[in-house]
Each structure stands twice: as C-alpha cells, then as structure tokens.
Amino acid sequence: MSTKKVQIGIKPTNKPAPAVADAWVESRSSGNEPKSMKRLTIDVPESLHRSIKAQCAMRGTKIADEVRDLLLQKYGQS
C-alpha cells in the first residue's frame, strides 16, 4: 500500500506587496460606494407579519424591500 504525500505550500514572507496592488488601492474611486445602511428593528403583530410574508412570497419579493419602499413613499428619498 502506498502512502499519500501532501505537499505543504511555501512559507509566507515579510516581503511588501507588489506595486500593482498598491496602485490599485490608491486608484479606487469613492464615487461607486453604496449608501451606508442602518438596521431598523420593529415589532409587528404575528398576523400582519404572516400577511406581508405571504404576499411577498407570491410576488417574489423580499419583506425588507417592500418595507423599504413603503418607508421611502412615506418619508421621501434621501
């Protein structure tokens, strides 16, 4: 029976990252970053949650997206 040999990769080095990586980090634009989000937790009756969940499932949407749209309608775009 032969034994299986596993090669271990090379040891990490303390060499600095290549200049290409540094240039990529420095050239990143901040214009394409998504808006920062904040979590909002609310309590709703179980019957309301069930109704929202069922309707979202029929439409193929997520509850969070539906609630987010409702809040934007009520409080406007920011």
PDB file of N, CA and C in Angstrom:
ATOM      1  N   MET A   1       0.850  -1.162   0.000  1.00  0.00           N
ATOM      2  CA  MET A   1       0.000   0.000   0.000  1.00  0.00           C
ATOM      3  C   MET A   1       0.902   1.234   0.000  1.00  0.00           C
ATOM      4  N   SER A   2       0.565   2.186  -0.879  1.00  0.00           N
ATOM      5  CA  SER A   2       1.374   3.404  -0.935  1.00  0.00           C
ATOM      6  C   SER A   2       0.768   4.473  -0.032  1.00  0.00           C
ATOM      7  N   THR A   3       1.623   5.305   0.465  1.00  0.00           N
ATOM      8  CA  THR A   3       1.132   6.377   1.327  1.00  0.00           C
ATOM      9  C   THR A   3       0.970   7.642   0.494  1.00  0.00           C
ATOM     10  N   LYS A   4      -0.042   8.376   0.821  1.00  0.00           N
ATOM     11  CA  LYS A   4      -0.319   9.607   0.097  1.00  0.00           C
ATOM     12  C   LYS A   4       0.531  10.725   0.682  1.00  0.00           C
ATOM     13  N   LYS A   5       1.192  11.453  -0.188  1.00  0.00           N
ATOM     14  CA  LYS A   5       2.024  12.557   0.255  1.00  0.00           C
ATOM     15  C   LYS A   5       1.337  13.866  -0.110  1.00  0.00           C
ATOM     16  N   VAL A   6       1.292  14.740   0.854  1.00  0.00           N
ATOM     17  CA  VAL A   6       0.689  16.048   0.640  1.00  0.00           C
ATOM     18  C   VAL A   6       1.781  17.091   0.751  1.00  0.00           C
ATOM     19  N   GLN A   7       1.869  17.932  -0.268  1.00  0.00           N
ATOM     20  CA  GLN A   7       2.869  18.990  -0.227  1.00  0.00           C
ATOM     21  C   GLN A   7       2.278  20.200   0.479  1.00  0.00           C
ATOM     22  N   ILE A   8       3.077  20.780   1.301  1.00  0.00           N
ATOM     23  CA  ILE A   8       2.676  21.989   2.004  1.00  0.00           C
ATOM     24  C   ILE A   8       3.215  23.170   1.223  1.00  0.00           C
ATOM     25  N   GLY A   9       2.398  24.197   1.089  1.00  0.00           N
ATOM     26  CA  GLY A   9       2.785  25.387   0.330  1.00  0.00           C
ATOM     27  C   GLY A   9       3.969  26.099   0.944  1.00  0.00           C
ATOM     28  N   ILE A  10       4.431  27.104   0.241  1.00  0.00           N
ATOM     29  CA  ILE A  10       5.591  27.855   0.714  1.00  0.00           C
ATOM     30  C   ILE A  10       5.217  28.702   1.918  1.00  0.00           C
ATOM     31  N   LYS A  11       6.230  29.041   2.687  1.00  0.00           N
ATOM     32  CA  LYS A  11       6.013  29.864   3.873  1.00  0.00           C
ATOM     33  C   LYS A  11       5.692  31.294   3.448  1.00  0.00           C
ATOM     34  N   PRO A  12       4.822  31.953   4.193  1.00  0.00           N
ATOM     35  CA  PRO A  12       4.571  33.362   3.891  1.00  0.00           C
ATOM     36  C   PRO A  12       5.826  34.186   4.167  1.00  0.00           C
ATOM     37  N   THR A  13       5.982  35.243   3.423  1.00  0.00           N
ATOM     38  CA  THR A  13       7.168  36.080   3.600  1.00  0.00           C
ATOM     39  C   THR A  13       6.762  37.458   4.107  1.00  0.00           C
ATOM     40  N   ASN A  14       7.747  38.188   4.540  1.00  0.00           N
ATOM     41  CA  ASN A  14       7.521  39.551   5.003  1.00  0.00           C
ATOM     42  C   ASN A  14       7.773  40.565   3.889  1.00  0.00           C
ATOM     43  N   LYS A  15       7.836  40.100   2.653  1.00  0.00           N
ATOM     44  CA  LYS A  15       8.080  40.999   1.533  1.00  0.00           C
ATOM     45  C   LYS A  15       6.872  41.914   1.356  1.00  0.00           C
ATOM     46  N   PRO A  16       7.108  43.155   0.973  1.00  0.00           N
ATOM     47  CA  PRO A  16       5.983  44.076   0.754  1.00  0.00           C
ATOM     48  C   PRO A  16       5.143  43.636  -0.445  1.00  0.00           C
ATOM     49  N   ALA A  17       3.903  44.066  -0.462  1.00  0.00           N
ATOM     50  CA  ALA A  17       3.010  43.738  -1.570  1.00  0.00           C
ATOM     51  C   ALA A  17       3.548  44.371  -2.847  1.00  0.00           C
ATOM     52  N   PRO A  18       3.264  43.751  -3.982  1.00  0.00           N
ATOM     53  CA  PRO A  18       3.758  44.326  -5.237  1.00  0.00           C
ATOM     54  C   PRO A  18       3.174  45.719  -5.481  1.00  0.00           C
ATOM     55  N   ALA A  19       3.880  46.508  -6.275  1.00  0.00           N
ATOM     56  CA  ALA A  19       3.452  47.881  -6.561  1.00  0.00           C
ATOM     57  C   ALA A  19       2.096  47.910  -7.250  1.00  0.00           C
ATOM     58  N   VAL A  20       1.768  46.869  -7.988  1.00  0.00           N
ATOM     59  CA  VAL A  20       0.481  46.815  -8.680  1.00  0.00           C
ATOM     60  C   VAL A  20      -0.658  46.849  -7.662  1.00  0.00           C
ATOM     61  N   ALA A  21      -0.512  46.133  -6.575  1.00  0.00           N
ATOM     62  CA  ALA A  21      -1.547  46.120  -5.544  1.00  0.00           C
ATOM     63  C   ALA A  21      -1.667  47.489  -4.893  1.00  0.00           C
ATOM     64  N   ASP A  22      -0.560  48.132  -4.625  1.00  0.00           N
ATOM     65  CA  ASP A  22      -0.591  49.468  -4.028  1.00  0.00           C
ATOM     66  C   ASP A  22      -1.268  50.466  -4.961  1.00  0.00           C
ATOM     67  N   ALA A  23      -0.976  50.379  -6.246  1.00  0.00           N
ATOM     68  CA  ALA A  23      -1.581  51.292  -7.218  1.00  0.00           C
ATOM     69  C   ALA A  23      -3.088  51.069  -7.286  1.00  0.00           C
ATOM     70  N   TRP A  24      -3.517  49.815  -7.217  1.00  0.00           N
ATOM     71  CA  TRP A  24      -4.950  49.517  -7.263  1.00  0.00           C
ATOM     72  C   TRP A  24      -5.661  50.123  -6.059  1.00  0.00           C
ATOM     73  N   VAL A  25      -5.074  49.985  -4.887  1.00  0.00           N
ATOM     74  CA  VAL A  25      -5.693  50.530  -3.680  1.00  0.00           C
ATOM     75  C   VAL A  25      -5.783  52.047  -3.770  1.00  0.00           C
ATOM     76  N   GLU A  26      -4.735  52.685  -4.239  1.00  0.00           N
ATOM     77  CA  GLU A  26      -4.718  54.144  -4.315  1.00  0.00           C
ATOM     78  C   GLU A  26      -5.652  54.685  -5.387  1.00  0.00           C
ATOM     79  N   SER A  27      -5.887  53.923  -6.449  1.00  0.00           N
ATOM     80  CA  SER A  27      -6.696  54.425  -7.560  1.00  0.00           C
ATOM     81  C   SER A  27      -8.188  54.155  -7.395  1.00  0.00           C
ATOM     82  N   ARG A  28      -8.580  53.462  -6.354  1.00  0.00           N
ATOM     83  CA  ARG A  28     -10.006  53.176  -6.164  1.00  0.00           C
ATOM     84  C   ARG A  28     -10.756  54.483  -5.972  1.00  0.00           C
ATOM     85  N   SER A  29     -11.879  54.599  -6.664  1.00  0.00           N
ATOM     86  CA  SER A  29     -12.678  55.820  -6.516  1.00  0.00           C
ATOM     87  C   SER A  29     -13.742  55.603  -5.453  1.00  0.00           C
ATOM     88  N   SER A  30     -14.042  56.650  -4.726  1.00  0.00           N
ATOM     89  CA  SER A  30     -15.045  56.542  -3.670  1.00  0.00           C
ATOM     90  C   SER A  30     -16.438  56.844  -4.196  1.00  0.00           C
ATOM     91  N   GLY A  31     -16.594  57.157  -5.483  1.00  0.00           N
ATOM     92  CA  GLY A  31     -17.888  57.504  -6.053  1.00  0.00           C
ATOM     93  C   GLY A  31     -18.822  56.320  -6.234  1.00  0.00           C
ATOM     94  N   ASN A  32     -18.301  55.111  -6.305  1.00  0.00           N
ATOM     95  CA  ASN A  32     -19.129  53.938  -6.571  1.00  0.00           C
ATOM     96  C   ASN A  32     -19.553  53.205  -5.313  1.00  0.00           C
ATOM     97  N   GLU A  33     -19.277  53.758  -4.156  1.00  0.00           N
ATOM     98  CA  GLU A  33     -19.618  53.067  -2.916  1.00  0.00           C
ATOM     99  C   GLU A  33     -21.115  53.166  -2.654  1.00  0.00           C
ATOM    100  N   PRO A  34     -21.744  52.072  -2.206  1.00  0.00           N
ATOM    101  CA  PRO A  34     -23.178  52.121  -1.909  1.00  0.00           C
ATOM    102  C   PRO A  34     -23.447  52.981  -0.677  1.00  0.00           C
ATOM    103  N   LYS A  35     -24.697  53.435  -0.563  1.00  0.00           N
ATOM    104  CA  LYS A  35     -25.075  54.231   0.602  1.00  0.00           C
ATOM    105  C   LYS A  35     -24.916  53.383   1.852  1.00  0.00           C
ATOM    106  N   SER A  36     -24.501  54.020   2.927  1.00  0.00           N
ATOM    107  CA  SER A  36     -24.393  53.270   4.173  1.00  0.00           C
ATOM    108  C   SER A  36     -25.800  52.990   4.685  1.00  0.00           C
ATOM    109  N   MET A  37     -25.999  51.820   5.239  1.00  0.00           N
ATOM    110  CA  MET A  37     -27.314  51.390   5.695  1.00  0.00           C
ATOM    111  C   MET A  37     -27.318  51.311   7.218  1.00  0.00           C
ATOM    112  N   LYS A  38     -28.483  51.501   7.803  1.00  0.00           N
ATOM    113  CA  LYS A  38     -28.696  51.348   9.238  1.00  0.00           C
ATOM    114  C   LYS A  38     -29.808  50.330   9.427  1.00  0.00           C
ATOM    115  N   ARG A  39     -29.659  49.470  10.409  1.00  0.00           N
ATOM    116  CA  ARG A  39     -30.655  48.441  10.690  1.00  0.00           C
ATOM    117  C   ARG A  39     -31.793  49.038  11.498  1.00  0.00           C
ATOM    118  N   LEU A  40     -33.025  48.646  11.153  1.00  0.00           N
ATOM    119  CA  LEU A  40     -34.220  49.111  11.839  1.00  0.00           C
ATOM    120  C   LEU A  40     -35.003  47.880  12.275  1.00  0.00           C
ATOM    121  N   THR A  41     -35.230  47.747  13.560  1.00  0.00           N
ATOM    122  CA  THR A  41     -35.966  46.605  14.094  1.00  0.00           C
ATOM    123  C   THR A  41     -37.301  47.090  14.626  1.00  0.00           C
ATOM    124  N   ILE A  42     -38.386  46.451  14.162  1.00  0.00           N
ATOM    125  CA  ILE A  42     -39.717  46.825  14.636  1.00  0.00           C
ATOM    126  C   ILE A  42     -40.477  45.573  15.043  1.00  0.00           C
ATOM    127  N   ASP A  43     -41.450  45.751  15.919  1.00  0.00           N
ATOM    128  CA  ASP A  43     -42.325  44.654  16.326  1.00  0.00           C
ATOM    129  C   ASP A  43     -43.669  44.846  15.644  1.00  0.00           C
ATOM    130  N   VAL A  44     -44.152  43.786  14.987  1.00  0.00           N
ATOM    131  CA  VAL A  44     -45.468  43.812  14.341  1.00  0.00           C
ATOM    132  C   VAL A  44     -46.251  42.598  14.811  1.00  0.00           C
ATOM    133  N   PRO A  45     -47.585  42.690  14.783  1.00  0.00           N
ATOM    134  CA  PRO A  45     -48.384  41.527  15.164  1.00  0.00           C
ATOM    135  C   PRO A  45     -48.097  40.343  14.235  1.00  0.00           C
ATOM    136  N   GLU A  46     -48.217  39.152  14.777  1.00  0.00           N
ATOM    137  CA  GLU A  46     -47.923  37.947  14.003  1.00  0.00           C
ATOM    138  C   GLU A  46     -48.802  37.849  12.768  1.00  0.00           C
ATOM    139  N   SER A  47     -50.072  38.228  12.895  1.00  0.00           N
ATOM    140  CA  SER A  47     -50.987  38.141  11.749  1.00  0.00           C
ATOM    141  C   SER A  47     -50.540  39.072  10.617  1.00  0.00           C
ATOM    142  N   LEU A  48     -50.072  40.271  10.958  1.00  0.00           N
ATOM    143  CA  LEU A  48     -49.583  41.204   9.943  1.00  0.00           C
ATOM    144  C   LEU A  48     -48.324  40.656   9.281  1.00  0.00           C
ATOM    145  N   HIS A  49     -47.424  40.120  10.070  1.00  0.00           N
ATOM    146  CA  HIS A  49     -46.191  39.540   9.530  1.00  0.00           C
ATOM    147  C   HIS A  49     -46.510  38.402   8.569  1.00  0.00           C
ATOM    148  N   ARG A  50     -47.443  37.550   8.963  1.00  0.00           N
ATOM    149  CA  ARG A  50     -47.839  36.422   8.123  1.00  0.00           C
ATOM    150  C   ARG A  50     -48.406  36.921   6.793  1.00  0.00           C
ATOM    151  N   SER A  51     -49.235  37.954   6.851  1.00  0.00           N
ATOM    152  CA  SER A  51     -49.845  38.506   5.646  1.00  0.00           C
ATOM    153  C   SER A  51     -48.792  39.115   4.721  1.00  0.00           C
ATOM    154  N   ILE A  52     -47.890  39.897   5.296  1.00  0.00           N
ATOM    155  CA  ILE A  52     -46.820  40.511   4.499  1.00  0.00           C
ATOM    156  C   ILE A  52     -45.955  39.430   3.861  1.00  0.00           C
ATOM    157  N   LYS A  53     -45.606  38.430   4.643  1.00  0.00           N
ATOM    158  CA  LYS A  53     -44.734  37.361   4.157  1.00  0.00           C
ATOM    159  C   LYS A  53     -45.387  36.591   3.015  1.00  0.00           C
ATOM    160  N   ALA A  54     -46.684  36.297   3.159  1.00  0.00           N
ATOM    161  CA  ALA A  54     -47.401  35.552   2.116  1.00  0.00           C
ATOM    162  C   ALA A  54     -47.465  36.365   0.821  1.00  0.00           C
ATOM    163  N   GLN A  55     -47.781  37.650   0.935  1.00  0.00           N
ATOM    164  CA  GLN A  55     -47.886  38.481  -0.265  1.00  0.00           C
ATOM    165  C   GLN A  55     -46.529  38.674  -0.938  1.00  0.00           C
ATOM    166  N   CYS A  56     -45.492  38.818  -0.150  1.00  0.00           N
ATOM    167  CA  CYS A  56     -44.151  38.942  -0.723  1.00  0.00           C
ATOM    168  C   CYS A  56     -43.739  37.647  -1.419  1.00  0.00           C
ATOM    169  N   ALA A  57     -44.103  36.516  -0.837  1.00  0.00           N
ATOM    170  CA  ALA A  57     -43.771  35.230  -1.454  1.00  0.00           C
ATOM    171  C   ALA A  57     -44.480  35.086  -2.794  1.00  0.00           C
ATOM    172  N   MET A  58     -45.747  35.527  -2.867  1.00  0.00           N
ATOM    173  CA  MET A  58     -46.489  35.442  -4.131  1.00  0.00           C
ATOM    174  C   MET A  58     -45.879  36.353  -5.195  1.00  0.00           C
ATOM    175  N   ARG A  59     -45.376  37.510  -4.790  1.00  0.00           N
ATOM    176  CA  ARG A  59     -44.773  38.459  -5.730  1.00  0.00           C
ATOM    177  C   ARG A  59     -43.310  38.138  -6.029  1.00  0.00           C
ATOM    178  N   GLY A  60     -42.707  37.314  -5.185  1.00  0.00           N
ATOM    179  CA  GLY A  60     -41.287  37.002  -5.361  1.00  0.00           C
ATOM    180  C   GLY A  60     -40.382  38.128  -4.894  1.00  0.00           C
ATOM    181  N   THR A  61     -40.845  38.892  -3.898  1.00  0.00           N
ATOM    182  CA  THR A  61     -40.045  39.991  -3.364  1.00  0.00           C
ATOM    183  C   THR A  61     -39.648  39.684  -1.928  1.00  0.00           C
ATOM    184  N   LYS A  62     -38.771  40.493  -1.399  1.00  0.00           N
ATOM    185  CA  LYS A  62     -38.338  40.331  -0.010  1.00  0.00           C
ATOM    186  C   LYS A  62     -39.099  41.313   0.867  1.00  0.00           C
ATOM    187  N   ILE A  63     -39.364  40.908   2.103  1.00  0.00           N
ATOM    188  CA  ILE A  63     -40.072  41.773   3.048  1.00  0.00           C
ATOM    189  C   ILE A  63     -39.301  43.076   3.246  1.00  0.00           C
ATOM    190  N   ALA A  64     -38.003  42.992   3.395  1.00  0.00           N
ATOM    191  CA  ALA A  64     -37.191  44.190   3.630  1.00  0.00           C
ATOM    192  C   ALA A  64     -37.339  45.186   2.485  1.00  0.00           C
ATOM    193  N   ASP A  65     -37.358  44.689   1.244  1.00  0.00           N
ATOM    194  CA  ASP A  65     -37.508  45.585   0.097  1.00  0.00           C
ATOM    195  C   ASP A  65     -38.877  46.256   0.097  1.00  0.00           C
ATOM    196  N   GLU A  66     -39.921  45.498   0.429  1.00  0.00           N
ATOM    197  CA  GLU A  66     -41.280  46.056   0.476  1.00  0.00           C
ATOM    198  C   GLU A  66     -41.381  47.137   1.549  1.00  0.00           C
ATOM    199  N   VAL A  67     -40.862  46.855   2.734  1.00  0.00           N
ATOM    200  CA  VAL A  67     -40.937  47.819   3.832  1.00  0.00           C
ATOM    201  C   VAL A  67     -40.097  49.051   3.503  1.00  0.00           C
ATOM    202  N   ARG A  68     -38.929  48.837   2.893  1.00  0.00           N
ATOM    203  CA  ARG A  68     -38.072  49.956   2.500  1.00  0.00           C
ATOM    204  C   ARG A  68     -38.804  50.868   1.519  1.00  0.00           C
ATOM    205  N   ASP A  69     -39.513  50.275   0.537  1.00  0.00           N
ATOM    206  CA  ASP A  69     -40.277  51.068  -0.427  1.00  0.00           C
ATOM    207  C   ASP A  69     -41.385  51.859   0.257  1.00  0.00           C
ATOM    208  N   LEU A  70     -42.080  51.226   1.199  1.00  0.00           N
ATOM    209  CA  LEU A  70     -43.140  51.929   1.930  1.00  0.00           C
ATOM    210  C   LEU A  70     -42.582  53.112   2.718  1.00  0.00           C
ATOM    211  N   LEU A  71     -41.450  52.914   3.364  1.00  0.00           N
ATOM    212  CA  LEU A  71     -40.838  53.994   4.134  1.00  0.00           C
ATOM    213  C   LEU A  71     -40.386  55.136   3.223  1.00  0.00           C
ATOM    214  N   LEU A  72     -39.873  54.793   2.047  1.00  0.00           N
ATOM    215  CA  LEU A  72     -39.463  55.834   1.103  1.00  0.00           C
ATOM    216  C   LEU A  72     -40.667  56.617   0.596  1.00  0.00           C
ATOM    217  N   GLN A  73     -41.793  55.936   0.370  1.00  0.00           N
ATOM    218  CA  GLN A  73     -43.013  56.628  -0.054  1.00  0.00           C
ATOM    219  C   GLN A  73     -43.480  57.594   1.030  1.00  0.00           C
ATOM    220  N   LYS A  74     -43.416  57.163   2.273  1.00  0.00           N
ATOM    221  CA  LYS A  74     -43.898  57.979   3.390  1.00  0.00           C
ATOM    222  C   LYS A  74     -42.955  59.139   3.701  1.00  0.00           C
ATOM    223  N   TYR A  75     -41.651  58.873   3.730  1.00  0.00           N
ATOM    224  CA  TYR A  75     -40.688  59.867   4.194  1.00  0.00           C
ATOM    225  C   TYR A  75     -39.821  60.451   3.087  1.00  0.00           C
ATOM    226  N   GLY A  76     -39.981  59.991   1.866  1.00  0.00           N
ATOM    227  CA  GLY A  76     -39.273  60.571   0.729  1.00  0.00           C
ATOM    228  C   GLY A  76     -37.878  60.030   0.526  1.00  0.00           C
ATOM    229  N   GLN A  77     -37.346  60.364  -0.633  1.00  0.00           N
ATOM    230  CA  GLN A  77     -35.984  59.964  -0.995  1.00  0.00           C
ATOM    231  C   GLN A  77     -34.998  60.817  -0.222  1.00  0.00           C
ATOM    232  N   SER A  78     -33.897  60.197   0.185  1.00  0.00           N
ATOM    233  CA  SER A  78     -32.880  60.984   0.890  1.00  0.00           C
ATOM    234  C   SER A  78     -31.560  60.923   0.176  1.00  0.00           C
TER     235      SER A  78
END
